[in-house]
Amino acid sequence: MFPSNEITEQNVQDIVITALEGGINYWADFADVSLIDMHYPLPFTITVEGKNFVLTDVSIRFGIEKEANRRGRAIWEFLENHDADDADCVVQWALFNDLVYG
């Protein structure tokens, strides 16, 4: 697995935006998309089944590494070629340390 320092703030933001705009909306009750802007405002809270979970930069980096490894892809390849499903899985790893939904 590649070290987290190869994952940039822009990579993290791209994954989070992709997840919020279409990857996690089938299981997340509330995630304030307006919080994501050019100022990179992590951490923030996502509500799932009435419980609040905090999404952080560190947890997203962890999720990226876990999902890239699960899919057998290098981190750079995963980051260059991800979609809403990939971003969904990253956020699930970040929040639950597991793939709980879908």
Protein backbone atom coordinates (compact mmCIF):
# COMPACT_ATOMS: atom_id res chain seq x y z
CA MET A 1 0.00 0.00 0.00
CA PHE A 2 1.28 3.49 -0.81
CA PRO A 3 1.81 6.06 1.97
CA SER A 4 -0.93 8.61 2.65
CA ASN A 5 1.37 11.51 1.81
CA GLU A 6 0.95 10.68 -1.89
CA ILE A 7 -2.70 11.72 -1.55
CA THR A 8 -3.10 15.48 -1.91
CA GLU A 9 -5.70 17.76 -0.36
CA GLN A 10 -7.18 18.17 -3.84
CA ASN A 11 -7.49 14.37 -4.17
CA VAL A 12 -9.34 14.21 -0.85
CA GLN A 13 -11.63 17.06 -1.82
CA ASP A 14 -12.39 15.47 -5.21
CA ILE A 15 -13.40 12.19 -3.55
CA VAL A 16 -15.57 13.96 -0.96
CA ILE A 17 -17.35 16.09 -3.55
CA THR A 18 -17.99 13.06 -5.76
CA ALA A 19 -19.40 11.16 -2.78
CA LEU A 20 -21.61 14.01 -1.65
CA GLU A 21 -22.92 14.78 -5.13
CA GLY A 22 -24.01 11.25 -5.90
CA GLY A 23 -22.15 8.45 -4.18
CA ILE A 24 -23.59 8.36 -0.67
CA ASN A 25 -27.03 9.87 -1.10
CA TYR A 26 -28.73 6.46 -1.02
CA TRP A 27 -27.64 5.81 2.59
CA ALA A 28 -26.69 9.15 4.15
CA ASP A 29 -29.58 11.02 5.74
CA PHE A 30 -27.80 14.35 5.71
CA ALA A 31 -24.55 15.70 4.36
CA ASP A 32 -24.31 19.43 3.85
CA VAL A 33 -22.83 19.75 0.35
CA SER A 34 -22.64 23.52 0.79
CA LEU A 35 -19.83 22.92 3.30
CA ILE A 36 -17.53 21.80 0.52
CA ASP A 37 -16.00 24.76 -1.21
CA MET A 38 -12.59 26.03 -2.19
CA HIS A 39 -11.62 26.36 1.48
CA TYR A 40 -11.48 22.59 2.03
CA PRO A 41 -13.63 22.51 5.19
CA LEU A 42 -13.01 19.10 6.76
CA PRO A 43 -14.01 17.80 9.23
CA PHE A 44 -17.78 17.84 8.90
CA THR A 45 -20.66 15.67 10.02
CA ILE A 46 -22.69 13.17 8.03
CA THR A 47 -25.90 11.85 9.56
CA VAL A 48 -26.72 8.18 8.99
CA GLU A 49 -29.79 6.51 10.49
CA GLY A 50 -30.05 9.33 13.02
CA LYS A 51 -26.43 9.06 14.15
CA ASN A 52 -23.72 11.60 13.43
CA PHE A 53 -20.36 10.56 12.01
CA VAL A 54 -17.42 12.89 11.51
CA LEU A 55 -15.60 12.80 8.19
CA THR A 56 -11.99 13.99 8.41
CA ASP A 57 -9.04 14.41 6.10
CA VAL A 58 -7.27 11.51 7.82
CA SER A 59 -10.30 9.21 7.56
CA ILE A 60 -10.73 9.97 3.84
CA ARG A 61 -7.05 9.22 3.19
CA PHE A 62 -7.51 5.94 5.05
CA GLY A 63 -10.60 5.16 2.95
CA ILE A 64 -8.75 5.91 -0.29
CA GLU A 65 -5.97 3.52 0.65
CA LYS A 66 -8.41 0.79 1.70
CA GLU A 67 -10.55 1.04 -1.44
CA ALA A 68 -7.60 1.26 -3.84
CA ASN A 69 -6.12 -1.82 -2.19
CA ARG A 70 -9.46 -3.68 -2.26
CA ARG A 71 -9.78 -2.99 -5.98
CA GLY A 72 -6.15 -3.97 -6.62
CA ARG A 73 -5.25 -0.55 -8.00
CA ALA A 74 -2.37 1.78 -7.25
CA ILE A 75 -3.45 4.88 -5.35
CA TRP A 76 -2.54 7.20 -8.23
CA GLU A 77 -4.58 5.04 -10.62
CA PHE A 78 -7.56 4.98 -8.26
CA LEU A 79 -7.43 8.75 -7.83
CA GLU A 80 -7.18 9.38 -11.58
CA ASN A 81 -10.03 6.99 -12.44
CA HIS A 82 -12.70 7.07 -9.74
CA ASP A 83 -16.46 7.42 -9.93
CA ALA A 84 -19.35 7.90 -7.49
CA ASP A 85 -19.33 4.21 -6.54
CA ASP A 86 -15.62 4.39 -5.68
CA ALA A 87 -16.15 7.58 -3.66
CA ASP A 88 -19.08 5.95 -1.84
CA CYS A 89 -16.83 3.08 -0.77
CA VAL A 90 -14.07 5.47 0.34
CA VAL A 91 -16.51 7.33 2.61
CA GLN A 92 -17.85 4.06 4.03
CA TRP A 93 -14.30 2.95 4.87
CA ALA A 94 -13.67 6.40 6.35
CA LEU A 95 -16.77 6.40 8.57
CA PHE A 96 -17.32 2.72 9.42
CA ASN A 97 -14.00 0.97 8.66
CA ASP A 98 -16.11 -1.40 6.57
CA LEU A 99 -18.39 -1.48 3.52
CA VAL A 100 -21.82 -1.39 5.13
CA TYR A 101 -24.11 -0.26 2.28
CA GLY A 102 -24.53 -1.46 -1.30
